[in-house]
């Protein structure tokens, strides 16, 4: 099968790889072959195999020379239109018949780039994270898949999910004290490989994938945003009022009833693939 797409999914977190591999999966289900570029280790949470992956830190990696000598006709770039390391230039984009940009919000971007025939906004219409919006961008809904989460909203547990081990011992003590005051039991998790029963769920970090995947769950969830170079997690949680940025916000949330489901737009993968095939 002829490879039609090169999907650039390099970046510092796991989310870039996950979006790129989900896109590869949905292209493959349509009978379209692609190859994905990911940072080594960033795809560790995506075991499904829908096509080849190449591992690199940037397009300048010597191992990519055979692939880039005769690349597929179409290029899809996730998040960073100039490349994660700033290595995508206009002369590189010109080598493709068509170039697409999946425009996840980047706080360090000063201007909307040129050279892309089509821009896909990985948000519902009217709900993107950009201050000024993206002119002529095609809204797709959130490009996520929450099927890997193993959560239950039952029980009397206050669960803290801290995948990068950012919580200090004093902070966890404060969490336990607040939980006890409202009759909840604190449970700390560095991974969610087992089914977690949580009446209240606090996630340390609010990256695009984690945040929007958990919006679709039935859990009463809040996020402790983390400062990142490119991603504005504080802005993201603020748009939905789901951030906990001060300890004095913790007890009122733990003691409040479940607020109910959040307005959530499921990803429209069919629309994404249709946009790429035009």
Protein backbone atom coordinates (compact mmCIF):
# COMPACT_ATOMS: atom_id res chain seq x y z
CA UNK A 1 0.00 0.00 0.00
CA UNK A 2 1.36 3.42 -0.98
CA UNK A 3 2.00 5.71 1.98
CA UNK A 4 0.02 8.91 1.49
CA UNK A 5 0.78 10.92 4.66
CA UNK A 6 3.73 11.87 6.80
CA UNK A 7 2.42 12.79 10.26
CA UNK A 8 4.78 15.00 12.28
CA UNK A 9 3.94 14.34 15.96
CA UNK A 10 7.14 15.37 17.71
CA UNK A 11 6.86 17.20 21.02
CA UNK A 12 7.77 17.16 24.67
CA UNK A 13 4.78 15.24 26.01
CA UNK A 14 2.86 12.08 25.20
CA UNK A 15 -0.09 13.98 23.75
CA UNK A 16 1.57 14.79 20.44
CA UNK A 17 2.33 11.14 19.76
CA UNK A 18 -1.16 10.10 20.84
CA UNK A 19 -2.85 12.56 18.45
CA UNK A 20 -0.57 11.52 15.60
CA UNK A 21 -1.15 7.81 16.19
CA UNK A 22 -4.91 8.28 16.56
CA UNK A 23 -4.89 10.09 13.23
CA UNK A 24 -2.87 7.24 11.69
CA UNK A 25 -5.41 4.77 13.09
CA UNK A 26 -8.41 6.56 11.58
CA UNK A 27 -6.68 7.00 8.23
CA UNK A 28 -5.89 3.27 8.23
CA UNK A 29 -9.54 2.45 8.95
CA UNK A 30 -10.34 4.42 5.79
CA UNK A 31 -7.74 2.38 3.89
CA UNK A 32 -5.16 5.19 3.77
CA UNK A 33 -1.56 4.48 4.82
CA UNK A 34 0.64 6.91 6.75
CA UNK A 35 3.88 7.08 8.67
CA UNK A 36 4.21 8.89 12.01
CA UNK A 37 7.23 10.71 13.45
CA UNK A 38 7.34 10.55 17.26
CA UNK A 39 9.86 11.28 19.98
CA UNK A 40 11.41 8.12 21.49
CA UNK A 41 9.27 6.93 24.40
CA UNK A 42 6.38 9.33 23.73
CA UNK A 43 4.24 6.54 22.28
CA UNK A 44 4.54 4.22 25.30
CA UNK A 45 0.82 4.55 26.07
CA UNK A 46 -0.32 3.67 22.55
CA UNK A 47 0.25 0.01 21.78
CA UNK A 48 -2.10 -0.36 18.81
CA UNK A 49 -0.30 -0.76 15.49
CA UNK A 50 -1.83 0.88 12.44
CA UNK A 51 1.34 1.64 10.52
CA UNK A 52 5.02 2.48 10.76
CA UNK A 53 6.52 4.83 13.35
CA UNK A 54 9.84 6.60 13.07
CA UNK A 55 11.59 7.85 16.18
CA UNK A 56 13.50 11.14 16.21
CA UNK A 57 14.06 14.35 18.14
CA UNK A 58 13.73 16.50 15.02
CA UNK A 59 13.69 16.30 11.23
CA UNK A 60 17.48 16.69 11.32
CA UNK A 61 17.88 13.19 12.77
CA UNK A 62 20.17 11.21 10.38
CA UNK A 63 17.90 8.19 10.67
CA UNK A 64 15.16 10.05 8.81
CA UNK A 65 17.24 10.67 5.68
CA UNK A 66 15.87 7.65 3.73
CA UNK A 67 12.27 8.63 4.55
CA UNK A 68 12.70 12.31 3.74
CA UNK A 69 14.62 11.67 0.53
CA UNK A 70 11.31 10.71 -1.06
CA UNK A 71 8.53 11.64 1.40
CA UNK A 72 4.81 10.89 1.03
CA UNK A 73 2.83 13.49 -0.93
CA UNK A 74 1.01 14.93 2.09
CA UNK A 75 2.25 16.29 5.41
CA UNK A 76 0.31 16.72 8.66
CA UNK A 77 2.00 18.74 11.43
CA UNK A 78 0.72 18.56 14.99
CA UNK A 79 0.84 21.69 17.19
CA UNK A 80 4.17 23.21 16.10
CA UNK A 81 3.94 24.57 12.51
CA UNK A 82 7.64 25.47 12.55
CA UNK A 83 8.51 22.13 14.15
CA UNK A 84 9.17 21.21 17.76
CA UNK A 85 12.82 22.25 17.30
CA UNK A 86 12.05 25.01 14.79
CA UNK A 87 13.26 22.88 11.89
CA UNK A 88 10.24 23.14 9.56
CA UNK A 89 10.89 25.83 6.98
CA UNK A 90 8.98 26.93 3.89
CA UNK A 91 11.33 24.99 1.62
CA UNK A 92 10.45 21.80 3.50
CA UNK A 93 6.70 22.45 3.25
CA UNK A 94 7.09 23.09 -0.49
CA UNK A 95 8.19 19.48 -0.99
CA UNK A 96 4.66 18.26 -0.32
CA UNK A 97 1.60 18.41 -2.52
CA UNK A 98 -0.44 19.43 0.50
CA UNK A 99 0.46 20.42 4.07
CA UNK A 100 -1.96 20.49 7.02
CA UNK A 101 -1.58 21.95 10.51
CA UNK A 102 -3.42 20.57 13.56
CA UNK A 103 -3.58 23.83 15.48
CA UNK A 104 -3.54 23.00 19.17
CA UNK A 105 -3.06 26.22 21.14
CA UNK A 106 0.56 27.33 21.60
CA UNK A 107 1.09 30.31 23.89
CA UNK A 108 4.54 31.14 22.45
CA UNK A 109 3.28 31.55 18.87
CA UNK A 110 3.34 35.16 17.73
CA UNK A 111 1.65 34.81 14.33
CA UNK A 112 -0.39 32.27 12.41
CA UNK A 113 1.99 30.53 9.99
CA UNK A 114 1.76 30.40 6.22
CA UNK A 115 2.51 27.47 3.97
CA UNK A 116 -0.34 25.21 5.09
CA UNK A 117 -3.15 24.52 2.68
CA UNK A 118 -5.54 23.67 5.47
CA UNK A 119 -5.72 24.28 9.22
CA UNK A 120 -7.59 21.90 11.51
CA UNK A 121 -8.70 23.27 14.86
CA UNK A 122 -8.80 20.39 17.41
CA UNK A 123 -11.71 21.99 19.27
CA UNK A 124 -15.47 22.29 18.78
CA UNK A 125 -16.69 25.25 16.77
CA UNK A 126 -16.52 28.43 18.84
CA UNK A 127 -14.64 26.79 21.71
CA UNK A 128 -11.02 26.84 20.66
CA UNK A 129 -8.31 28.04 23.06
CA UNK A 130 -6.91 30.76 20.82
CA UNK A 131 -7.46 34.35 21.95
CA UNK A 132 -8.21 35.63 18.47
CA UNK A 133 -9.53 32.46 16.86
CA UNK A 134 -8.19 30.82 13.75
CA UNK A 135 -9.53 32.23 10.50
CA UNK A 136 -10.64 29.54 8.02
CA UNK A 137 -9.72 26.72 10.40
CA UNK A 138 -11.90 23.60 10.31
CA UNK A 139 -13.19 22.69 13.81
CA UNK A 140 -12.97 18.95 14.47
CA UNK A 141 -13.94 18.55 18.11
CA UNK A 142 -11.32 17.38 20.58
CA UNK A 143 -8.87 14.94 18.96
CA UNK A 144 -8.74 12.49 21.85
CA UNK A 145 -9.78 8.97 22.76
CA UNK A 146 -10.66 8.35 26.41
CA UNK A 147 -11.13 4.59 26.13
CA UNK A 148 -7.88 3.89 28.02
CA UNK A 149 -9.10 5.52 31.27
CA UNK A 150 -10.35 3.06 33.90
CA UNK A 151 -12.44 5.20 36.23
CA UNK A 152 -15.58 4.86 38.30
CA UNK A 153 -17.38 7.70 40.05
CA UNK A 154 -18.69 5.44 42.82
CA UNK A 155 -17.29 5.11 46.36
CA UNK A 156 -16.14 7.56 49.02
CA UNK A 157 -12.65 8.21 47.70
CA UNK A 158 -10.74 11.38 46.89
CA UNK A 159 -8.22 10.22 44.29
CA UNK A 160 -5.14 12.22 43.33
CA UNK A 161 -3.57 11.31 39.98
CA UNK A 162 0.00 12.60 39.89
CA UNK A 163 1.80 10.98 36.91
CA UNK A 164 4.97 13.07 37.22
CA UNK A 165 5.28 12.86 41.03
CA UNK A 166 4.89 16.61 41.59
CA UNK A 167 3.01 16.44 44.92
CA UNK A 168 5.16 17.05 48.00
CA UNK A 169 4.63 15.20 51.27
CA UNK A 170 3.19 18.34 52.98
CA UNK A 171 0.74 18.81 50.11
CA UNK A 172 -0.43 15.21 50.33
CA UNK A 173 -0.86 15.63 54.09
CA UNK A 174 -3.07 18.66 53.44
CA UNK A 175 -5.08 16.65 50.90
CA UNK A 176 -5.59 13.83 53.42
CA UNK A 177 -6.66 16.26 56.14
CA UNK A 178 -9.23 17.91 53.86
CA UNK A 179 -10.56 14.55 52.69
CA UNK A 180 -11.03 13.37 56.28
CA UNK A 181 -13.04 16.47 57.15
CA UNK A 182 -15.70 15.55 54.58
CA UNK A 183 -15.62 11.80 55.14
CA UNK A 184 -13.54 10.82 52.13
CA UNK A 185 -10.50 8.57 51.96
CA UNK A 186 -7.44 9.83 50.11
CA UNK A 187 -5.93 7.59 47.43
CA UNK A 188 -2.74 8.62 45.60
CA UNK A 189 -1.96 7.26 42.12
CA UNK A 190 1.05 7.78 39.90
CA UNK A 191 -0.67 5.74 37.17
CA UNK A 192 -4.24 4.65 36.51
CA UNK A 193 -3.60 1.15 35.20
CA UNK A 194 -6.24 -0.32 37.52
CA UNK A 195 -9.86 0.68 37.89
CA UNK A 196 -10.03 3.69 40.21
CA UNK A 197 -13.22 4.46 42.13
CA UNK A 198 -13.25 8.17 42.87
CA UNK A 199 -16.09 10.35 44.07
CA UNK A 200 -13.64 13.22 43.55
CA UNK A 201 -10.64 13.13 41.20
CA UNK A 202 -7.80 15.66 41.23
CA UNK A 203 -5.34 15.48 38.35
CA UNK A 204 -1.91 17.10 38.67
CA UNK A 205 -1.36 18.61 35.24
CA UNK A 206 -3.88 19.62 32.57
CA UNK A 207 -2.35 18.81 29.21
CA UNK A 208 -4.64 18.87 26.16
CA UNK A 209 -5.15 15.10 25.98
CA UNK A 210 -5.56 14.42 29.69
CA UNK A 211 -7.89 17.37 30.19
CA UNK A 212 -10.25 16.75 27.28
CA UNK A 213 -10.25 12.98 27.70
CA UNK A 214 -11.41 13.36 31.30
CA UNK A 215 -14.07 15.93 30.41
CA UNK A 216 -16.02 13.07 28.85
CA UNK A 217 -15.93 10.98 32.01
CA UNK A 218 -18.65 10.90 34.65
CA UNK A 219 -16.19 11.84 37.40
CA UNK A 220 -16.23 15.04 39.42
CA UNK A 221 -12.76 16.11 38.31
CA UNK A 222 -10.54 19.10 38.97
CA UNK A 223 -7.06 19.90 37.70
CA UNK A 224 -3.96 21.34 39.29
CA UNK A 225 -2.38 23.09 36.26
CA UNK A 226 1.37 23.03 35.69
CA UNK A 227 3.42 25.78 34.04
CA UNK A 228 4.75 24.69 30.65
CA UNK A 229 6.78 26.49 28.03
CA UNK A 230 4.31 26.15 25.15
CA UNK A 231 1.05 24.95 26.69
CA UNK A 232 -1.08 27.25 28.87
CA UNK A 233 -2.72 24.82 31.27
CA UNK A 234 -3.97 27.63 33.51
CA UNK A 235 -5.88 29.13 30.59
CA UNK A 236 -7.33 25.72 29.66
CA UNK A 237 -8.72 24.92 33.10
CA UNK A 238 -9.92 28.50 33.49
CA UNK A 239 -12.09 28.25 30.39
CA UNK A 240 -14.10 25.52 32.13
CA UNK A 241 -13.69 26.61 35.75
CA UNK A 242 -12.05 23.30 36.61
CA UNK A 243 -8.77 24.48 38.11
CA UNK A 244 -7.61 24.20 41.70
CA UNK A 245 -4.83 26.72 42.16
CA UNK A 246 -5.12 27.41 45.91
CA UNK A 247 -5.54 25.07 48.86
CA UNK A 248 -8.49 27.10 50.14
CA UNK A 249 -10.42 25.95 47.04
CA UNK A 250 -9.99 22.27 47.93
CA UNK A 251 -12.37 21.79 50.86
CA UNK A 252 -15.38 23.57 49.28
CA UNK A 253 -15.03 21.36 46.19
CA UNK A 254 -14.64 18.15 48.21
CA UNK A 255 -17.72 19.01 50.23
CA UNK A 256 -19.90 19.99 47.26
CA UNK A 257 -22.25 17.63 45.39
CA UNK A 258 -21.35 16.38 41.94
CA UNK A 259 -22.05 19.28 39.54
CA UNK A 260 -23.26 17.01 36.74
CA UNK A 261 -21.93 16.35 33.27
CA UNK A 262 -19.89 18.99 31.46
CA UNK A 263 -20.84 20.13 27.96
CA UNK A 264 -18.50 18.06 25.83
CA UNK A 265 -18.01 17.68 22.08
CA UNK A 266 -16.98 14.20 20.96
CA UNK A 267 -14.19 14.09 18.37
CA UNK A 268 -15.43 13.86 14.79
CA UNK A 269 -12.73 11.66 13.28
CA UNK A 270 -14.72 11.18 10.10
CA UNK A 271 -14.68 14.94 9.55
CA UNK A 272 -10.93 15.02 10.22
CA UNK A 273 -10.18 12.36 7.64
CA UNK A 274 -12.55 13.99 5.15
CA UNK A 275 -10.73 17.31 5.60
CA UNK A 276 -7.39 15.64 4.96
CA UNK A 277 -8.56 13.82 1.86
CA UNK A 278 -9.77 16.92 0.05
